[in-house]
C-alpha atoms as a PDB file:
ATOM      1  CA  MET A   1      79.524   2.300 -19.446  1.00  0.00           C
ATOM      2  CA  GLN A   2      80.786  -1.223 -18.803  1.00  0.00           C
ATOM      3  CA  VAL A   3      80.494  -2.398 -15.189  1.00  0.00           C
ATOM      4  CA  ASN A   4      82.521  -4.891 -13.190  1.00  0.00           C
ATOM      5  CA  GLU A   5      80.648  -7.133 -10.748  1.00  0.00           C
ATOM      6  CA  GLN A   6      82.073  -9.178  -7.900  1.00  0.00           C
ATOM      7  CA  SER A   7      80.833 -11.003  -4.834  1.00  0.00           C
ATOM      8  CA  VAL A   8      82.378  -9.853  -1.567  1.00  0.00           C
ATOM      9  CA  GLU A   9      82.187 -11.004   2.034  1.00  0.00           C
ATOM     10  CA  ILE A  10      81.912  -8.387   4.779  1.00  0.00           C
ATOM     11  CA  SER A  11      82.834  -9.428   8.313  1.00  0.00           C
ATOM     12  CA  MET A  12      80.084  -8.330  10.689  1.00  0.00           C
ATOM     13  CA  GLY A  13      81.043  -9.172  14.266  1.00  0.00           C
ATOM     14  CA  GLY A  14      81.139 -12.934  14.011  1.00  0.00           C
ATOM     15  CA  ARG A  15      78.798 -13.109  11.031  1.00  0.00           C
ATOM     16  CA  THR A  16      79.345 -12.509   7.342  1.00  0.00           C
ATOM     17  CA  ALA A  17      77.289 -10.360   5.006  1.00  0.00           C
ATOM     18  CA  GLY A  18      77.610 -11.742   1.503  1.00  0.00           C
ATOM     19  CA  SER A  19      77.341  -8.715  -0.775  1.00  0.00           C
ATOM     20  CA  LEU A  20      77.778  -7.500  -4.334  1.00  0.00           C
ATOM     21  CA  LEU A  21      80.147  -4.799  -5.522  1.00  0.00           C
ATOM     22  CA  TYR A  22      79.733  -2.958  -8.809  1.00  0.00           C
ATOM     23  CA  SER A  23      82.203  -0.501 -10.300  1.00  0.00           C
ATOM     24  CA  PRO A  24      82.833   1.060 -13.703  1.00  0.00           C
ATOM     25  CA  ALA A  25      85.244  -1.012 -15.760  1.00  0.00           C
ATOM     26  CA  GLY A  26      88.755   0.325 -16.254  1.00  0.00           C
ATOM     27  CA  ALA A  27      91.210   2.253 -14.143  1.00  0.00           C
ATOM     28  CA  GLY A  28      90.083   5.095 -11.955  1.00  0.00           C
ATOM     29  CA  GLN A  29      88.352   5.980  -8.718  1.00  0.00           C
ATOM     30  CA  TRP A  30      84.663   6.661  -8.245  1.00  0.00           C
ATOM     31  CA  PRO A  31      82.400   8.003  -5.498  1.00  0.00           C
ATOM     32  CA  GLY A  32      81.214   5.233  -3.196  1.00  0.00           C
ATOM     33  CA  VAL A  33      77.520   4.420  -2.799  1.00  0.00           C
ATOM     34  CA  LEU A  34      75.596   2.027  -0.561  1.00  0.00           C
ATOM     35  CA  HIS A  35      72.603   0.529  -2.351  1.00  0.00           C
ATOM     36  CA  LEU A  36      70.244  -0.894   0.284  1.00  0.00           C
ATOM     37  CA  THR A  37      67.596  -3.295  -0.988  1.00  0.00           C
ATOM     38  CA  ASP A  38      63.966  -3.420  -0.022  1.00  0.00           C
ATOM     39  CA  ILE A  39      62.699  -6.113   2.368  1.00  0.00           C
ATOM     40  CA  PHE A  40      62.981  -8.810  -0.319  1.00  0.00           C
ATOM     41  CA  GLY A  41      66.764  -8.539  -0.327  1.00  0.00           C
ATOM     42  CA  ILE A  42      69.382  -9.158  -2.979  1.00  0.00           C
ATOM     43  CA  ARG A  43      67.903 -10.671  -6.132  1.00  0.00           C
ATOM     44  CA  PRO A  44      68.219 -10.044  -9.883  1.00  0.00           C
ATOM     45  CA  ALA A  45      65.872  -7.034  -9.993  1.00  0.00           C
ATOM     46  CA  ALA A  46      67.605  -5.268  -7.101  1.00  0.00           C
ATOM     47  CA  SER A  47      71.049  -6.061  -8.444  1.00  0.00           C
ATOM     48  CA  GLU A  48      70.205  -4.649 -11.845  1.00  0.00           C
ATOM     49  CA  MET A  49      69.254  -1.409 -10.134  1.00  0.00           C
ATOM     50  CA  ALA A  50      72.639  -1.281  -8.382  1.00  0.00           C
ATOM     51  CA  LYS A  51      74.437  -2.145 -11.591  1.00  0.00           C
ATOM     52  CA  ARG A  52      72.668   0.641 -13.469  1.00  0.00           C
ATOM     53  CA  LEU A  53      73.722   3.110 -10.796  1.00  0.00           C
ATOM     54  CA  ALA A  54      77.325   1.950 -11.084  1.00  0.00           C
ATOM     55  CA  ALA A  55      77.171   2.527 -14.844  1.00  0.00           C
ATOM     56  CA  GLY A  56      76.483   6.162 -14.013  1.00  0.00           C
ATOM     57  CA  GLY A  57      79.963   6.508 -12.549  1.00  0.00           C
ATOM     58  CA  PHE A  58      79.805   5.158  -8.997  1.00  0.00           C
ATOM     59  CA  CYS A  59      81.336   2.273  -7.060  1.00  0.00           C
ATOM     60  CA  VAL A  60      78.250   0.616  -5.589  1.00  0.00           C
ATOM     61  CA  LEU A  61      78.090  -1.810  -2.663  1.00  0.00           C
ATOM     62  CA  GLN A  62      74.865  -3.800  -2.337  1.00  0.00           C
ATOM     63  CA  PRO A  63      75.106  -5.500   1.062  1.00  0.00           C
ATOM     64  CA  ASN A  64      72.890  -8.272   2.320  1.00  0.00           C
ATOM     65  CA  VAL A  65      71.358  -6.079   4.999  1.00  0.00           C
ATOM     66  CA  PHE A  66      69.438  -9.106   6.283  1.00  0.00           C
ATOM     67  CA  TYR A  67      72.532 -11.248   6.886  1.00  0.00           C
ATOM     68  CA  ARG A  68      71.352 -12.018  10.414  1.00  0.00           C
ATOM     69  CA  SER A  69      68.395 -13.885   8.953  1.00  0.00           C
ATOM     70  CA  GLY A  70      70.125 -15.723   6.120  1.00  0.00           C
ATOM     71  CA  LYS A  71      71.624 -15.583   2.671  1.00  0.00           C
ATOM     72  CA  PRO A  72      69.794 -14.623  -0.530  1.00  0.00           C
ATOM     73  CA  PRO A  73      67.290 -15.628  -1.652  1.00  0.00           C
ATOM     74  CA  LEU A  74      65.546 -14.627   1.551  1.00  0.00           C
ATOM     75  CA  PHE A  75      62.234 -16.151   0.485  1.00  0.00           C
ATOM     76  CA  ASP A  76      62.088 -19.831  -0.458  1.00  0.00           C
ATOM     77  CA  PHE A  77      58.427 -19.456  -1.439  1.00  0.00           C
ATOM     78  CA  PRO A  78      56.575 -17.018  -3.727  1.00  0.00           C
ATOM     79  CA  ALA A  79      56.494 -13.715  -1.840  1.00  0.00           C
ATOM     80  CA  ASP A  80      53.116 -11.978  -1.742  1.00  0.00           C
ATOM     81  CA  LEU A  81      52.459  -9.174   0.728  1.00  0.00           C
ATOM     82  CA  LYS A  82      48.797 -10.205   0.829  1.00  0.00           C
ATOM     83  CA  ASN A  83      49.880 -13.603   2.168  1.00  0.00           C
ATOM     84  CA  GLU A  84      50.327 -14.144   5.927  1.00  0.00           C
ATOM     85  CA  GLN A  85      53.328 -16.435   5.378  1.00  0.00           C
ATOM     86  CA  THR A  86      55.078 -13.618   3.544  1.00  0.00           C
ATOM     87  CA  MET A  87      54.145 -11.025   6.148  1.00  0.00           C
ATOM     88  CA  LYS A  88      55.369 -13.252   8.970  1.00  0.00           C
ATOM     89  CA  HIS A  89      58.764 -13.553   7.293  1.00  0.00           C
ATOM     90  CA  VAL A  90      58.839  -9.814   6.561  1.00  0.00           C
ATOM     91  CA  ARG A  91      58.303  -9.110  10.265  1.00  0.00           C
ATOM     92  CA  GLU A  92      61.117 -11.502  11.154  1.00  0.00           C
ATOM     93  CA  LEU A  93      63.521  -9.865   8.708  1.00  0.00           C
ATOM     94  CA  ALA A  94      62.622  -6.346   9.833  1.00  0.00           C
ATOM     95  CA  GLY A  95      62.692  -7.213  13.525  1.00  0.00           C
ATOM     96  CA  ALA A  96      66.332  -8.258  13.392  1.00  0.00           C
ATOM     97  CA  LEU A  97      67.350  -4.794  12.173  1.00  0.00           C
ATOM     98  CA  THR A  98      66.896  -2.582  15.207  1.00  0.00           C
ATOM     99  CA  PRO A  99      67.820   1.112  14.984  1.00  0.00           C
ATOM    100  CA  GLU A 100      71.090   0.334  16.742  1.00  0.00           C
ATOM    101  CA  ALA A 101      71.845  -2.519  14.353  1.00  0.00           C
ATOM    102  CA  MET A 102      71.093  -0.317  11.355  1.00  0.00           C
ATOM    103  CA  GLU A 103      73.602   2.299  12.443  1.00  0.00           C
ATOM    104  CA  SER A 104      76.266  -0.218  13.391  1.00  0.00           C
ATOM    105  CA  ASP A 105      75.865  -2.172  10.155  1.00  0.00           C
ATOM    106  CA  ALA A 106      75.841   0.947   7.996  1.00  0.00           C
ATOM    107  CA  SER A 107      79.066   2.123   9.586  1.00  0.00           C
ATOM    108  CA  ALA A 108      80.680  -1.225   8.809  1.00  0.00           C
ATOM    109  CA  TYR A 109      79.520  -1.028   5.188  1.00  0.00           C
ATOM    110  CA  VAL A 110      80.982   2.471   4.872  1.00  0.00           C
ATOM    111  CA  ASP A 111      84.319   1.283   6.249  1.00  0.00           C
ATOM    112  CA  PHE A 112      84.354  -1.678   3.866  1.00  0.00           C
ATOM    113  CA  LEU A 113      83.519   0.496   0.886  1.00  0.00           C
ATOM    114  CA  ALA A 114      86.161   3.052   1.876  1.00  0.00           C
ATOM    115  CA  GLY A 115      88.768   0.296   1.701  1.00  0.00           C
ATOM    116  CA  ILE A 116      88.021  -0.524  -1.940  1.00  0.00           C
ATOM    117  CA  PRO A 117      90.784   0.850  -4.222  1.00  0.00           C
ATOM    118  CA  ALA A 118      88.209   1.958  -6.817  1.00  0.00           C
ATOM    119  CA  VAL A 119      86.459   4.204  -4.283  1.00  0.00           C
ATOM    120  CA  ARG A 120      87.408   7.872  -4.328  1.00  0.00           C
ATOM    121  CA  PRO A 121      88.186   9.495  -0.953  1.00  0.00           C
ATOM    122  CA  GLY A 122      85.507  11.840   0.273  1.00  0.00           C
ATOM    123  CA  GLY A 123      81.736  11.865   0.438  1.00  0.00           C
ATOM    124  CA  MET A 124      79.620   8.770  -0.168  1.00  0.00           C
ATOM    125  CA  GLY A 125      75.968   8.278  -1.003  1.00  0.00           C
ATOM    126  CA  VAL A 126      73.280   5.956   0.335  1.00  0.00           C
ATOM    127  CA  VAL A 127      70.000   4.953  -1.249  1.00  0.00           C
ATOM    128  CA  GLY A 128      67.310   2.903   0.465  1.00  0.00           C
ATOM    129  CA  TYR A 129      64.032   1.437  -0.743  1.00  0.00           C
ATOM    130  CA  CYS A 130      60.881   0.779   1.278  1.00  0.00           C
ATOM    131  CA  PHE A 131      62.075  -0.693   4.599  1.00  0.00           C
ATOM    132  CA  THR A 132      65.656   0.518   4.146  1.00  0.00           C
ATOM    133  CA  GLY A 133      64.676   4.119   3.529  1.00  0.00           C
ATOM    134  CA  SER A 134      65.003   4.554   7.291  1.00  0.00           C
ATOM    135  CA  MET A 135      68.326   2.713   7.303  1.00  0.00           C
ATOM    136  CA  ALA A 136      69.685   5.114   4.698  1.00  0.00           C
ATOM    137  CA  LEU A 137      68.830   8.043   6.956  1.00  0.00           C
ATOM    138  CA  ARG A 138      70.335   6.333   9.991  1.00  0.00           C
ATOM    139  CA  ALA A 139      73.492   5.642   7.978  1.00  0.00           C
ATOM    140  CA  ALA A 140      73.887   9.375   7.429  1.00  0.00           C
ATOM    141  CA  ALA A 141      73.525   9.962  11.167  1.00  0.00           C
ATOM    142  CA  ALA A 142      75.984   7.233  12.099  1.00  0.00           C
ATOM    143  CA  ARG A 143      78.597   8.332   9.543  1.00  0.00           C
ATOM    144  CA  SER A 144      78.159  12.039   9.039  1.00  0.00           C
ATOM    145  CA  ASP A 145      81.915  12.095   8.419  1.00  0.00           C
ATOM    146  CA  ARG A 146      81.469  10.247   5.107  1.00  0.00           C
ATOM    147  CA  ILE A 147      77.832  10.267   3.998  1.00  0.00           C
ATOM    148  CA  ALA A 148      77.149  13.322   1.847  1.00  0.00           C
ATOM    149  CA  ALA A 149      73.903  12.317   0.107  1.00  0.00           C
ATOM    150  CA  VAL A 150      70.916  10.144   1.012  1.00  0.00           C
ATOM    151  CA  ALA A 151      67.909   9.120  -1.049  1.00  0.00           C
ATOM    152  CA  SER A 152      64.854   7.231   0.173  1.00  0.00           C
ATOM    153  CA  PHE A 153      62.275   5.860  -2.264  1.00  0.00           C
ATOM    154  CA  HIS A 154      58.858   4.865  -0.906  1.00  0.00           C
ATOM    155  CA  GLY A 155      60.406   4.577   2.542  1.00  0.00           C
ATOM    156  CA  GLY A 156      58.053   3.482   5.291  1.00  0.00           C
ATOM    157  CA  GLY A 157      57.750   4.657   8.897  1.00  0.00           C
ATOM    158  CA  LEU A 158      60.145   7.576   8.473  1.00  0.00           C
ATOM    159  CA  ALA A 159      58.314   9.834  10.922  1.00  0.00           C
ATOM    160  CA  THR A 160      56.303   8.313  13.751  1.00  0.00           C
ATOM    161  CA  ASP A 161      55.538   9.203  17.366  1.00  0.00           C
ATOM    162  CA  ALA A 162      58.004   6.597  18.651  1.00  0.00           C
ATOM    163  CA  PRO A 163      61.107   7.942  20.450  1.00  0.00           C
ATOM    164  CA  THR A 164      63.237   5.923  18.037  1.00  0.00           C
ATOM    165  CA  SER A 165      61.531   7.244  14.880  1.00  0.00           C
ATOM    166  CA  PRO A 166      64.053   7.645  12.035  1.00  0.00           C
ATOM    167  CA  HIS A 167      63.387  11.393  11.717  1.00  0.00           C
ATOM    168  CA  THR A 168      64.768  11.951  15.226  1.00  0.00           C
ATOM    169  CA  VAL A 169      68.317  11.348  13.967  1.00  0.00           C
ATOM    170  CA  LEU A 170      68.216  14.446  11.743  1.00  0.00           C
ATOM    171  CA  PRO A 171      70.258  16.641  14.151  1.00  0.00           C
ATOM    172  CA  ARG A 172      73.218  14.292  13.545  1.00  0.00           C
ATOM    173  CA  VAL A 173      72.875  14.347   9.752  1.00  0.00           C
ATOM    174  CA  LYS A 174      74.998  16.563   7.497  1.00  0.00           C
ATOM    175  CA  ALA A 175      74.097  14.970   4.162  1.00  0.00           C
ATOM    176  CA  ARG A 176      71.929  16.329   1.370  1.00  0.00           C
ATOM    177  CA  LEU A 177      68.593  14.442   1.513  1.00  0.00           C
ATOM    178  CA  TYR A 178      65.944  13.380  -0.981  1.00  0.00           C
ATOM    179  CA  PHE A 179      62.687  11.654  -0.028  1.00  0.00           C
ATOM    180  CA  ALA A 180      60.386  10.279  -2.726  1.00  0.00           C
ATOM    181  CA  HIS A 181      57.055   9.132  -1.321  1.00  0.00           C
ATOM    182  CA  ALA A 182      54.473   6.812  -2.775  1.00  0.00           C
ATOM    183  CA  ASP A 183      50.921   8.015  -3.280  1.00  0.00           C
ATOM    184  CA  ALA A 184      48.429   6.787  -0.641  1.00  0.00           C
ATOM    185  CA  ASP A 185      51.091   4.682   1.109  1.00  0.00           C
ATOM    186  CA  ARG A 186      49.870   3.030   4.300  1.00  0.00           C
ATOM    187  CA  SER A 187      53.456   2.781   5.555  1.00  0.00           C
ATOM    188  CA  MET A 188      53.960   6.542   5.060  1.00  0.00           C
ATOM    189  CA  PRO A 189      50.563   8.291   5.027  1.00  0.00           C
ATOM    190  CA  ALA A 190      50.068  11.991   4.362  1.00  0.00           C
ATOM    191  CA  GLU A 191      50.235  12.924   8.048  1.00  0.00           C
ATOM    192  CA  ALA A 192      53.569  11.132   8.416  1.00  0.00           C
ATOM    193  CA  ILE A 193      54.938  12.936   5.337  1.00  0.00           C
ATOM    194  CA  ALA A 194      53.831  16.235   6.881  1.00  0.00           C
ATOM    195  CA  LYS A 195      55.562  15.318  10.144  1.00  0.00           C
ATOM    196  CA  LEU A 196      58.760  14.448   8.282  1.00  0.00           C
ATOM    197  CA  ASP A 197      58.641  17.636   6.222  1.00  0.00           C
ATOM    198  CA  GLY A 198      58.237  19.710   9.368  1.00  0.00           C
ATOM    199  CA  ALA A 199      61.235  18.014  10.952  1.00  0.00           C
ATOM    200  CA  LEU A 200      63.274  18.572   7.793  1.00  0.00           C
ATOM    201  CA  ARG A 201      62.468  22.277   7.770  1.00  0.00           C
ATOM    202  CA  SER A 202      63.482  22.551  11.421  1.00  0.00           C
ATOM    203  CA  TRP A 203      66.678  20.620  10.688  1.00  0.00           C
ATOM    204  CA  GLY A 204      67.716  23.294   8.215  1.00  0.00           C
ATOM    205  CA  GLY A 205      69.846  21.231   5.846  1.00  0.00           C
ATOM    206  CA  VAL A 206      69.493  20.774   2.094  1.00  0.00           C
ATOM    207  CA  PHE A 207      66.576  18.468   1.264  1.00  0.00           C
ATOM    208  CA  ALA A 208      63.711  17.692  -1.062  1.00  0.00           C
ATOM    209  CA  SER A 209      60.595  15.705  -0.231  1.00  0.00           C
ATOM    210  CA  GLU A 210      57.944  14.924  -2.809  1.00  0.00           C
ATOM    211  CA  THR A 211      55.093  12.526  -3.452  1.00  0.00           C
ATOM    212  CA  TYR A 212      54.934  10.788  -6.834  1.00  0.00           C
ATOM    213  CA  ALA A 213      51.325  11.102  -7.940  1.00  0.00           C
ATOM    214  CA  GLY A 214      49.796   7.809  -9.009  1.00  0.00           C
ATOM    215  CA  ALA A 215      52.832   5.785  -7.890  1.00  0.00           C
ATOM    216  CA  SER A 216      52.149   3.049  -5.355  1.00  0.00           C
ATOM    217  CA  HIS A 217      54.468   1.690  -2.686  1.00  0.00           C
ATOM    218  CA  GLY A 218      57.293  -0.191  -4.412  1.00  0.00           C
ATOM    219  CA  TRP A 219      56.967   1.626  -7.744  1.00  0.00           C
ATOM    220  CA  THR A 220      60.715   1.851  -8.448  1.00  0.00           C
ATOM    221  CA  VAL A 221      61.520  -1.875  -8.271  1.00  0.00           C
ATOM    222  CA  PRO A 222      61.116  -3.769 -11.567  1.00  0.00           C
ATOM    223  CA  ASP A 223      59.867  -7.029 -10.019  1.00  0.00           C
ATOM    224  CA  SER A 224      57.274  -5.281  -7.837  1.00  0.00           C
ATOM    225  CA  HIS A 225      53.555  -5.564  -8.632  1.00  0.00           C
ATOM    226  CA  ALA A 226      53.495  -1.782  -8.186  1.00  0.00           C
ATOM    227  CA  TYR A 227      56.286  -1.085 -10.690  1.00  0.00           C
ATOM    228  CA  ASN A 228      55.608   2.091 -12.648  1.00  0.00           C
ATOM    229  CA  GLN A 229      58.186   2.461 -15.406  1.00  0.00           C
ATOM    230  CA  ALA A 230      57.613   6.138 -16.133  1.00  0.00           C
ATOM    231  CA  GLN A 231      57.790   7.130 -12.483  1.00  0.00           C
ATOM    232  CA  ALA A 232      60.701   4.743 -11.872  1.00  0.00           C
ATOM    233  CA  GLU A 233      62.668   6.488 -14.605  1.00  0.00           C
ATOM    234  CA  ARG A 234      61.868   9.834 -13.041  1.00  0.00           C
ATOM    235  CA  ALA A 235      63.078   8.499  -9.689  1.00  0.00           C
ATOM    236  CA  PHE A 236      66.331   7.248 -11.181  1.00  0.00           C
ATOM    237  CA  GLY A 237      66.888  10.640 -12.749  1.00  0.00           C
ATOM    238  CA  LYS A 238      66.418  12.304  -9.369  1.00  0.00           C
ATOM    239  CA  LEU A 239      68.865   9.856  -7.790  1.00  0.00           C
ATOM    240  CA  MET A 240      71.503  10.585 -10.410  1.00  0.00           C
ATOM    241  CA  GLU A 241      70.905  14.311 -10.004  1.00  0.00           C
ATOM    242  CA  LEU A 242      71.360  14.083  -6.235  1.00  0.00           C
ATOM    243  CA  PHE A 243      74.516  11.984  -6.349  1.00  0.00           C
ATOM    244  CA  GLY A 244      75.913  13.981  -9.238  1.00  0.00           C
ATOM    245  CA  ALA A 245      75.537  17.224  -7.291  1.00  0.00           C
ATOM    246  CA  ALA A 246      76.728  15.947  -3.909  1.00  0.00           C
ATOM    247  CA  LEU A 247      79.392  13.374  -4.773  1.00  0.00           C
ATOM    248  CA  LYS A 248      81.055  14.356  -8.048  1.00  0.00           C
END
């Protein structure tokens, strides 16, 4: 399916989030989806992922979730998570997105997407990667009136002992949820997955949570050192299955 691409500016309380919007070419309306990038932000690899999703029959908004810190590219040096310069910048980017900011921003993105003529009224989807896996979940809590499906791929810190842990928002969530965990992920170890799964069972909604054997943190993103094509294709299939069932 042919896809239209355009740059859009989203007003965010005195700031602007430069974003990308993808929609199937031709007349019609499509379910809306928020595609939240990993910590490295909007770049060709992430945008190709959003574009591929749009080709599946969705109107996809890829916002610059790190607009408080700057415009893409967010790294003006080669990013390497083993490098302290990279990690320092990662902490700066993540620190600006507090739980409150995540919910407020996500609500603004939903409102913007809802105003696009190509977006069908009704339920929307959200997908987050790595750092934004938690933001995807918080989006569903903030906008339970619109968010019908959420996917998180190799999301980190989804269930901790902190009072603001992402899993604590589950009572406000009405969406169908899918969590895909990396194998031996320091940001989401086995005990954290167990904690999340327990909270999901207590929540009582529709969900799936699974660990991709042999897939390391970041496996879905083509420009990641951990990219695993076979498992990335499986993940994309699961994403399409989720959105197809909940949004179409």
